Amino acid sequence: MKNTKQQAELIRYERSPAAMNSLELLLNEARIDERKNQAALVSSRLEEIANQILNRELNGVEAAELLNQIAEHIITQSYDQH
């Protein structure tokens, strides 16, 4: 009996406004962290691409072609993951 009563109390707590607010805060923190991580990855990748363009001394057309190839690769990867 005690176990069932404890489970019922736990269910009530899990659906309480305080618990929902706590969960929402945790989810928002996770989203913010993920956005920061993604921004850092994109920034790093852009630096790599800029360095490639400079090191290979690409002109505007060649740089644009490189960017198009990278964009196509990213899209292909995203389809493969989902």
PDB file of N, CA and C in Angstrom:
ATOM      1  N   MET A   1       0.811  -1.197   0.000  1.00  0.00           N
ATOM      2  CA  MET A   1       0.000   0.000   0.000  1.00  0.00           C
ATOM      3  C   MET A   1       0.855   1.261   0.000  1.00  0.00           C
ATOM      4  N   LYS A   2       1.881   1.243   0.802  1.00  0.00           N
ATOM      5  CA  LYS A   2       2.731   2.416   0.902  1.00  0.00           C
ATOM      6  C   LYS A   2       3.322   2.768  -0.454  1.00  0.00           C
ATOM      7  N   ASN A   3       3.735   1.749  -1.168  1.00  0.00           N
ATOM      8  CA  ASN A   3       4.351   1.956  -2.465  1.00  0.00           C
ATOM      9  C   ASN A   3       3.377   2.648  -3.421  1.00  0.00           C
ATOM     10  N   THR A   4       2.130   2.215  -3.452  1.00  0.00           N
ATOM     11  CA  THR A   4       1.125   2.810  -4.321  1.00  0.00           C
ATOM     12  C   THR A   4       0.848   4.249  -3.920  1.00  0.00           C
ATOM     13  N   LYS A   5       0.787   4.504  -2.630  1.00  0.00           N
ATOM     14  CA  LYS A   5       0.547   5.862  -2.143  1.00  0.00           C
ATOM     15  C   LYS A   5       1.721   6.769  -2.521  1.00  0.00           C
ATOM     16  N   GLN A   6       2.936   6.258  -2.377  1.00  0.00           N
ATOM     17  CA  GLN A   6       4.118   7.045  -2.739  1.00  0.00           C
ATOM     18  C   GLN A   6       4.136   7.326  -4.240  1.00  0.00           C
ATOM     19  N   GLN A   7       3.741   6.337  -5.018  1.00  0.00           N
ATOM     20  CA  GLN A   7       3.701   6.530  -6.469  1.00  0.00           C
ATOM     21  C   GLN A   7       2.678   7.602  -6.840  1.00  0.00           C
ATOM     22  N   ALA A   8       1.522   7.579  -6.196  1.00  0.00           N
ATOM     23  CA  ALA A   8       0.487   8.575  -6.465  1.00  0.00           C
ATOM     24  C   ALA A   8       0.975   9.973  -6.101  1.00  0.00           C
ATOM     25  N   GLU A   9       1.670  10.088  -4.975  1.00  0.00           N
ATOM     26  CA  GLU A   9       2.209  11.388  -4.567  1.00  0.00           C
ATOM     27  C   GLU A   9       3.270  11.861  -5.553  1.00  0.00           C
ATOM     28  N   LEU A  10       4.086  10.942  -6.023  1.00  0.00           N
ATOM     29  CA  LEU A  10       5.126  11.285  -6.984  1.00  0.00           C
ATOM     30  C   LEU A  10       4.508  11.773  -8.288  1.00  0.00           C
ATOM     31  N   ILE A  11       3.459  11.100  -8.742  1.00  0.00           N
ATOM     32  CA  ILE A  11       2.775  11.514  -9.969  1.00  0.00           C
ATOM     33  C   ILE A  11       2.186  12.905  -9.802  1.00  0.00           C
ATOM     34  N   ARG A  12       1.571  13.167  -8.647  1.00  0.00           N
ATOM     35  CA  ARG A  12       1.024  14.506  -8.395  1.00  0.00           C
ATOM     36  C   ARG A  12       2.130  15.545  -8.415  1.00  0.00           C
ATOM     37  N   TYR A  13       3.283  15.226  -7.810  1.00  0.00           N
ATOM     38  CA  TYR A  13       4.399  16.168  -7.778  1.00  0.00           C
ATOM     39  C   TYR A  13       4.932  16.420  -9.181  1.00  0.00           C
ATOM     40  N   GLU A  14       5.048  15.353  -9.964  1.00  0.00           N
ATOM     41  CA  GLU A  14       5.608  15.488 -11.311  1.00  0.00           C
ATOM     42  C   GLU A  14       4.764  16.396 -12.190  1.00  0.00           C
ATOM     43  N   ARG A  15       3.488  16.501 -11.881  1.00  0.00           N
ATOM     44  CA  ARG A  15       2.596  17.338 -12.691  1.00  0.00           C
ATOM     45  C   ARG A  15       2.296  18.674 -12.020  1.00  0.00           C
ATOM     46  N   SER A  16       2.926  18.942 -10.927  1.00  0.00           N
ATOM     47  CA  SER A  16       2.677  20.201 -10.229  1.00  0.00           C
ATOM     48  C   SER A  16       3.280  21.357 -11.018  1.00  0.00           C
ATOM     49  N   PRO A  17       2.750  22.554 -10.832  1.00  0.00           N
ATOM     50  CA  PRO A  17       3.307  23.724 -11.531  1.00  0.00           C
ATOM     51  C   PRO A  17       4.794  23.929 -11.241  1.00  0.00           C
ATOM     52  N   ALA A  18       5.218  23.693 -10.016  1.00  0.00           N
ATOM     53  CA  ALA A  18       6.634  23.871  -9.670  1.00  0.00           C
ATOM     54  C   ALA A  18       7.505  22.885 -10.438  1.00  0.00           C
ATOM     55  N   ALA A  19       7.062  21.639 -10.528  1.00  0.00           N
ATOM     56  CA  ALA A  19       7.831  20.632 -11.260  1.00  0.00           C
ATOM     57  C   ALA A  19       7.866  20.958 -12.751  1.00  0.00           C
ATOM     58  N   MET A  20       6.738  21.415 -13.282  1.00  0.00           N
ATOM     59  CA  MET A  20       6.688  21.774 -14.702  1.00  0.00           C
ATOM     60  C   MET A  20       7.598  22.966 -14.989  1.00  0.00           C
ATOM     61  N   ASN A  21       7.618  23.943 -14.090  1.00  0.00           N
ATOM     62  CA  ASN A  21       8.503  25.098 -14.263  1.00  0.00           C
ATOM     63  C   ASN A  21       9.959  24.670 -14.213  1.00  0.00           C
ATOM     64  N   SER A  22      10.283  23.769 -13.293  1.00  0.00           N
ATOM     65  CA  SER A  22      11.656  23.272 -13.194  1.00  0.00           C
ATOM     66  C   SER A  22      12.058  22.544 -14.469  1.00  0.00           C
ATOM     67  N   LEU A  23      11.166  21.726 -14.971  1.00  0.00           N
ATOM     68  CA  LEU A  23      11.433  20.994 -16.208  1.00  0.00           C
ATOM     69  C   LEU A  23      11.620  21.954 -17.377  1.00  0.00           C
ATOM     70  N   GLU A  24      10.768  22.969 -17.442  1.00  0.00           N
ATOM     71  CA  GLU A  24      10.876  23.957 -18.516  1.00  0.00           C
ATOM     72  C   GLU A  24      12.207  24.701 -18.442  1.00  0.00           C
ATOM     73  N   LEU A  25      12.636  25.050 -17.234  1.00  0.00           N
ATOM     74  CA  LEU A  25      13.927  25.719 -17.061  1.00  0.00           C
ATOM     75  C   LEU A  25      15.075  24.830 -17.525  1.00  0.00           C
ATOM     76  N   LEU A  26      15.020  23.556 -17.154  1.00  0.00           N
ATOM     77  CA  LEU A  26      16.066  22.618 -17.578  1.00  0.00           C
ATOM     78  C   LEU A  26      16.110  22.472 -19.097  1.00  0.00           C
ATOM     79  N   LEU A  27      14.940  22.372 -19.707  1.00  0.00           N
ATOM     80  CA  LEU A  27      14.884  22.250 -21.167  1.00  0.00           C
ATOM     81  C   LEU A  27      15.423  23.506 -21.848  1.00  0.00           C
ATOM     82  N   ASN A  28      15.065  24.672 -21.320  1.00  0.00           N
ATOM     83  CA  ASN A  28      15.559  25.921 -21.897  1.00  0.00           C
ATOM     84  C   ASN A  28      17.073  26.033 -21.766  1.00  0.00           C
ATOM     85  N   GLU A  29      17.605  25.624 -20.625  1.00  0.00           N
ATOM     86  CA  GLU A  29      19.062  25.635 -20.440  1.00  0.00           C
ATOM     87  C   GLU A  29      19.737  24.700 -21.440  1.00  0.00           C
ATOM     88  N   ALA A  30      19.147  23.528 -21.642  1.00  0.00           N
ATOM     89  CA  ALA A  30      19.710  22.568 -22.598  1.00  0.00           C
ATOM     90  C   ALA A  30      19.669  23.133 -24.016  1.00  0.00           C
ATOM     91  N   ARG A  31      18.570  23.807 -24.357  1.00  0.00           N
ATOM     92  CA  ARG A  31      18.461  24.416 -25.691  1.00  0.00           C
ATOM     93  C   ARG A  31      19.514  25.504 -25.886  1.00  0.00           C
ATOM     94  N   ILE A  32      19.684  26.344 -24.877  1.00  0.00           N
ATOM     95  CA  ILE A  32      20.676  27.423 -24.961  1.00  0.00           C
ATOM     96  C   ILE A  32      22.074  26.843 -25.109  1.00  0.00           C
ATOM     97  N   ASP A  33      22.384  25.825 -24.314  1.00  0.00           N
ATOM     98  CA  ASP A  33      23.699  25.178 -24.418  1.00  0.00           C
ATOM     99  C   ASP A  33      23.912  24.588 -25.808  1.00  0.00           C
ATOM    100  N   GLU A  34      22.888  23.949 -26.348  1.00  0.00           N
ATOM    101  CA  GLU A  34      23.009  23.347 -27.677  1.00  0.00           C
ATOM    102  C   GLU A  34      23.214  24.421 -28.740  1.00  0.00           C
ATOM    103  N   ARG A  35      22.502  25.534 -28.625  1.00  0.00           N
ATOM    104  CA  ARG A  35      22.689  26.631 -29.587  1.00  0.00           C
ATOM    105  C   ARG A  35      24.105  27.183 -29.514  1.00  0.00           C
ATOM    106  N   LYS A  36      24.628  27.326 -28.298  1.00  0.00           N
ATOM    107  CA  LYS A  36      26.010  27.801 -28.139  1.00  0.00           C
ATOM    108  C   LYS A  36      26.993  26.822 -28.773  1.00  0.00           C
ATOM    109  N   ASN A  37      26.774  25.537 -28.538  1.00  0.00           N
ATOM    110  CA  ASN A  37      27.649  24.512 -29.128  1.00  0.00           C
ATOM    111  C   ASN A  37      27.586  24.541 -30.651  1.00  0.00           C
ATOM    112  N   GLN A  38      26.382  24.665 -31.194  1.00  0.00           N
ATOM    113  CA  GLN A  38      26.232  24.711 -32.650  1.00  0.00           C
ATOM    114  C   GLN A  38      26.884  25.966 -33.228  1.00  0.00           C
ATOM    115  N   ALA A  39      26.743  27.093 -32.543  1.00  0.00           N
ATOM    116  CA  ALA A  39      27.380  28.333 -33.006  1.00  0.00           C
ATOM    117  C   ALA A  39      28.898  28.186 -33.021  1.00  0.00           C
ATOM    118  N   ALA A  40      29.448  27.551 -32.006  1.00  0.00           N
ATOM    119  CA  ALA A  40      30.901  27.339 -31.951  1.00  0.00           C
ATOM    120  C   ALA A  40      31.357  26.436 -33.093  1.00  0.00           C
ATOM    121  N   LEU A  41      30.583  25.390 -33.388  1.00  0.00           N
ATOM    122  CA  LEU A  41      30.928  24.494 -34.496  1.00  0.00           C
ATOM    123  C   LEU A  41      30.882  25.213 -35.842  1.00  0.00           C
ATOM    124  N   VAL A  42      29.838  26.002 -36.049  1.00  0.00           N
ATOM    125  CA  VAL A  42      29.711  26.738 -37.309  1.00  0.00           C
ATOM    126  C   VAL A  42      30.847  27.740 -37.447  1.00  0.00           C
ATOM    127  N   SER A  43      31.150  28.444 -36.379  1.00  0.00           N
ATOM    128  CA  SER A  43      32.243  29.417 -36.401  1.00  0.00           C
ATOM    129  C   SER A  43      33.571  28.753 -36.743  1.00  0.00           C
ATOM    130  N   SER A  44      33.826  27.617 -36.126  1.00  0.00           N
ATOM    131  CA  SER A  44      35.059  26.878 -36.392  1.00  0.00           C
ATOM    132  C   SER A  44      35.121  26.428 -37.845  1.00  0.00           C
ATOM    133  N   ARG A  45      34.003  25.935 -38.355  1.00  0.00           N
ATOM    134  CA  ARG A  45      33.964  25.463 -39.748  1.00  0.00           C
ATOM    135  C   ARG A  45      34.184  26.621 -40.717  1.00  0.00           C
ATOM    136  N   LEU A  46      33.590  27.783 -40.424  1.00  0.00           N
ATOM    137  CA  LEU A  46      33.788  28.946 -41.287  1.00  0.00           C
ATOM    138  C   LEU A  46      35.247  29.388 -41.305  1.00  0.00           C
ATOM    139  N   GLU A  47      35.897  29.316 -40.159  1.00  0.00           N
ATOM    140  CA  GLU A  47      37.321  29.649 -40.097  1.00  0.00           C
ATOM    141  C   GLU A  47      38.140  28.693 -40.962  1.00  0.00           C
ATOM    142  N   GLU A  48      37.804  27.396 -40.904  1.00  0.00           N
ATOM    143  CA  GLU A  48      38.500  26.406 -41.734  1.00  0.00           C
ATOM    144  C   GLU A  48      38.325  26.711 -43.218  1.00  0.00           C
ATOM    145  N   ILE A  49      37.106  27.052 -43.600  1.00  0.00           N
ATOM    146  CA  ILE A  49      36.831  27.348 -45.008  1.00  0.00           C
ATOM    147  C   ILE A  49      37.578  28.608 -45.441  1.00  0.00           C
ATOM    148  N   ALA A  50      37.552  29.632 -44.606  1.00  0.00           N
ATOM    149  CA  ALA A  50      38.272  30.869 -44.931  1.00  0.00           C
ATOM    150  C   ALA A  50      39.762  30.593 -45.101  1.00  0.00           C
ATOM    151  N   ASN A  51      40.313  29.768 -44.225  1.00  0.00           N
ATOM    152  CA  ASN A  51      41.734  29.419 -44.341  1.00  0.00           C
ATOM    153  C   ASN A  51      42.019  28.644 -45.621  1.00  0.00           C
ATOM    154  N   GLN A  52      41.107  27.752 -46.002  1.00  0.00           N
ATOM    155  CA  GLN A  52      41.272  27.016 -47.268  1.00  0.00           C
ATOM    156  C   GLN A  52      41.305  27.980 -48.443  1.00  0.00           C
ATOM    157  N   ILE A  53      40.380  28.929 -48.442  1.00  0.00           N
ATOM    158  CA  ILE A  53      40.307  29.906 -49.530  1.00  0.00           C
ATOM    159  C   ILE A  53      41.599  30.712 -49.605  1.00  0.00           C
ATOM    160  N   LEU A  54      42.080  31.151 -48.448  1.00  0.00           N
ATOM    161  CA  LEU A  54      43.311  31.949 -48.419  1.00  0.00           C
ATOM    162  C   LEU A  54      44.538  31.129 -48.791  1.00  0.00           C
ATOM    163  N   ASN A  55      44.658  29.938 -48.225  1.00  0.00           N
ATOM    164  CA  ASN A  55      45.836  29.104 -48.489  1.00  0.00           C
ATOM    165  C   ASN A  55      45.922  28.669 -49.947  1.00  0.00           C
ATOM    166  N   ARG A  56      44.775  28.402 -50.538  1.00  0.00           N
ATOM    167  CA  ARG A  56      44.756  27.970 -51.937  1.00  0.00           C
ATOM    168  C   ARG A  56      44.677  29.159 -52.893  1.00  0.00           C
ATOM    169  N   GLU A  57      44.595  30.359 -52.315  1.00  0.00           N
ATOM    170  CA  GLU A  57      44.508  31.607 -53.085  1.00  0.00           C
ATOM    171  C   GLU A  57      43.404  31.538 -54.139  1.00  0.00           C
ATOM    172  N   LEU A  58      42.213  31.130 -53.688  1.00  0.00           N
ATOM    173  CA  LEU A  58      41.085  30.995 -54.606  1.00  0.00           C
ATOM    174  C   LEU A  58      40.536  32.369 -54.974  1.00  0.00           C
ATOM    175  N   ASN A  59      40.086  32.484 -56.232  1.00  0.00           N
ATOM    176  CA  ASN A  59      39.407  33.722 -56.619  1.00  0.00           C
ATOM    177  C   ASN A  59      37.944  33.626 -56.191  1.00  0.00           C
ATOM    178  N   GLY A  60      37.167  34.646 -56.482  1.00  0.00           N
ATOM    179  CA  GLY A  60      35.773  34.679 -56.042  1.00  0.00           C
ATOM    180  C   GLY A  60      34.939  33.522 -56.550  1.00  0.00           C
ATOM    181  N   VAL A  61      35.097  33.202 -57.823  1.00  0.00           N
ATOM    182  CA  VAL A  61      34.326  32.105 -58.426  1.00  0.00           C
ATOM    183  C   VAL A  61      34.710  30.776 -57.784  1.00  0.00           C
ATOM    184  N   GLU A  62      36.000  30.545 -57.601  1.00  0.00           N
ATOM    185  CA  GLU A  62      36.469  29.295 -56.986  1.00  0.00           C
ATOM    186  C   GLU A  62      35.998  29.188 -55.535  1.00  0.00           C
ATOM    187  N   ALA A  63      36.027  30.300 -54.827  1.00  0.00           N
ATOM    188  CA  ALA A  63      35.561  30.296 -53.436  1.00  0.00           C
ATOM    189  C   ALA A  63      34.070  29.981 -53.377  1.00  0.00           C
ATOM    190  N   ALA A  64      33.306  30.568 -54.300  1.00  0.00           N
ATOM    191  CA  ALA A  64      31.867  30.296 -54.351  1.00  0.00           C
ATOM    192  C   ALA A  64      31.602  28.830 -54.670  1.00  0.00           C
ATOM    193  N   GLU A  65      32.375  28.259 -55.586  1.00  0.00           N
ATOM    194  CA  GLU A  65      32.225  26.839 -55.918  1.00  0.00           C
ATOM    195  C   GLU A  65      32.539  25.960 -54.710  1.00  0.00           C
ATOM    196  N   LEU A  66      33.590  26.318 -53.979  1.00  0.00           N
ATOM    197  CA  LEU A  66      33.938  25.567 -52.769  1.00  0.00           C
ATOM    198  C   LEU A  66      32.800  25.629 -51.754  1.00  0.00           C
ATOM    199  N   LEU A  67      32.248  26.823 -51.561  1.00  0.00           N
ATOM    200  CA  LEU A  67      31.130  26.978 -50.622  1.00  0.00           C
ATOM    201  C   LEU A  67      29.918  26.155 -51.054  1.00  0.00           C
ATOM    202  N   ASN A  68      29.628  26.133 -52.354  1.00  0.00           N
ATOM    203  CA  ASN A  68      28.515  25.318 -52.859  1.00  0.00           C
ATOM    204  C   ASN A  68      28.751  23.835 -52.603  1.00  0.00           C
ATOM    205  N   GLN A  69      29.970  23.374 -52.820  1.00  0.00           N
ATOM    206  CA  GLN A  69      30.298  21.964 -52.564  1.00  0.00           C
ATOM    207  C   GLN A  69      30.115  21.626 -51.087  1.00  0.00           C
ATOM    208  N   ILE A  70      30.574  22.504 -50.231  1.00  0.00           N
ATOM    209  CA  ILE A  70      30.447  22.275 -48.787  1.00  0.00           C
ATOM    210  C   ILE A  70      28.976  22.274 -48.385  1.00  0.00           C
ATOM    211  N   ALA A  71      28.185  23.205 -48.940  1.00  0.00           N
ATOM    212  CA  ALA A  71      26.753  23.267 -48.634  1.00  0.00           C
ATOM    213  C   ALA A  71      26.050  21.980 -49.062  1.00  0.00           C
ATOM    214  N   GLU A  72      26.376  21.487 -50.248  1.00  0.00           N
ATOM    215  CA  GLU A  72      25.785  20.230 -50.726  1.00  0.00           C
ATOM    216  C   GLU A  72      26.165  19.065 -49.818  1.00  0.00           C
ATOM    217  N   HIS A  73      27.413  19.059 -49.381  1.00  0.00           N
ATOM    218  CA  HIS A  73      27.884  18.001 -48.478  1.00  0.00           C
ATOM    219  C   HIS A  73      27.121  18.043 -47.149  1.00  0.00           C
ATOM    220  N   ILE A  74      26.906  19.232 -46.622  1.00  0.00           N
ATOM    221  CA  ILE A  74      26.177  19.382 -45.356  1.00  0.00           C
ATOM    222  C   ILE A  74      24.743  18.887 -45.507  1.00  0.00           C
ATOM    223  N   ILE A  75      24.101  19.246 -46.613  1.00  0.00           N
ATOM    224  CA  ILE A  75      22.723  18.804 -46.852  1.00  0.00           C
ATOM    225  C   ILE A  75      22.660  17.291 -46.970  1.00  0.00           C
ATOM    226  N   THR A  76      23.588  16.703 -47.709  1.00  0.00           N
ATOM    227  CA  THR A  76      23.634  15.244 -47.853  1.00  0.00           C
ATOM    228  C   THR A  76      23.809  14.573 -46.499  1.00  0.00           C
ATOM    229  N   GLN A  77      24.702  15.111 -45.679  1.00  0.00           N
ATOM    230  CA  GLN A  77      24.911  14.552 -44.338  1.00  0.00           C
ATOM    231  C   GLN A  77      23.644  14.633 -43.501  1.00  0.00           C
ATOM    232  N   SER A  78      22.934  15.749 -43.589  1.00  0.00           N
ATOM    233  CA  SER A  78      21.722  15.904 -42.779  1.00  0.00           C
ATOM    234  C   SER A  78      20.653  14.905 -43.198  1.00  0.00           C
ATOM    235  N   TYR A  79      20.545  14.620 -44.495  1.00  0.00           N
ATOM    236  CA  TYR A  79      19.578  13.621 -44.954  1.00  0.00           C
ATOM    237  C   TYR A  79      19.972  12.225 -44.495  1.00  0.00           C
ATOM    238  N   ASP A  80      21.266  11.948 -44.502  1.00  0.00           N
ATOM    239  CA  ASP A  80      21.745  10.636 -44.075  1.00  0.00           C
ATOM    240  C   ASP A  80      21.494  10.400 -42.589  1.00  0.00           C
ATOM    241  N   GLN A  81      21.534  11.458 -41.793  1.00  0.00           N
ATOM    242  CA  GLN A  81      21.346  11.325 -40.344  1.00  0.00           C
ATOM    243  C   GLN A  81      19.884  11.171 -39.969  1.00  0.00           C
ATOM    244  N   HIS A  82      18.985  11.651 -40.820  1.00  0.00           N
ATOM    245  CA  HIS A  82      17.561  11.596 -40.482  1.00  0.00           C
ATOM    246  C   HIS A  82      16.900  10.687 -41.426  1.00  0.00           C
TER     247      HIS A  82
END
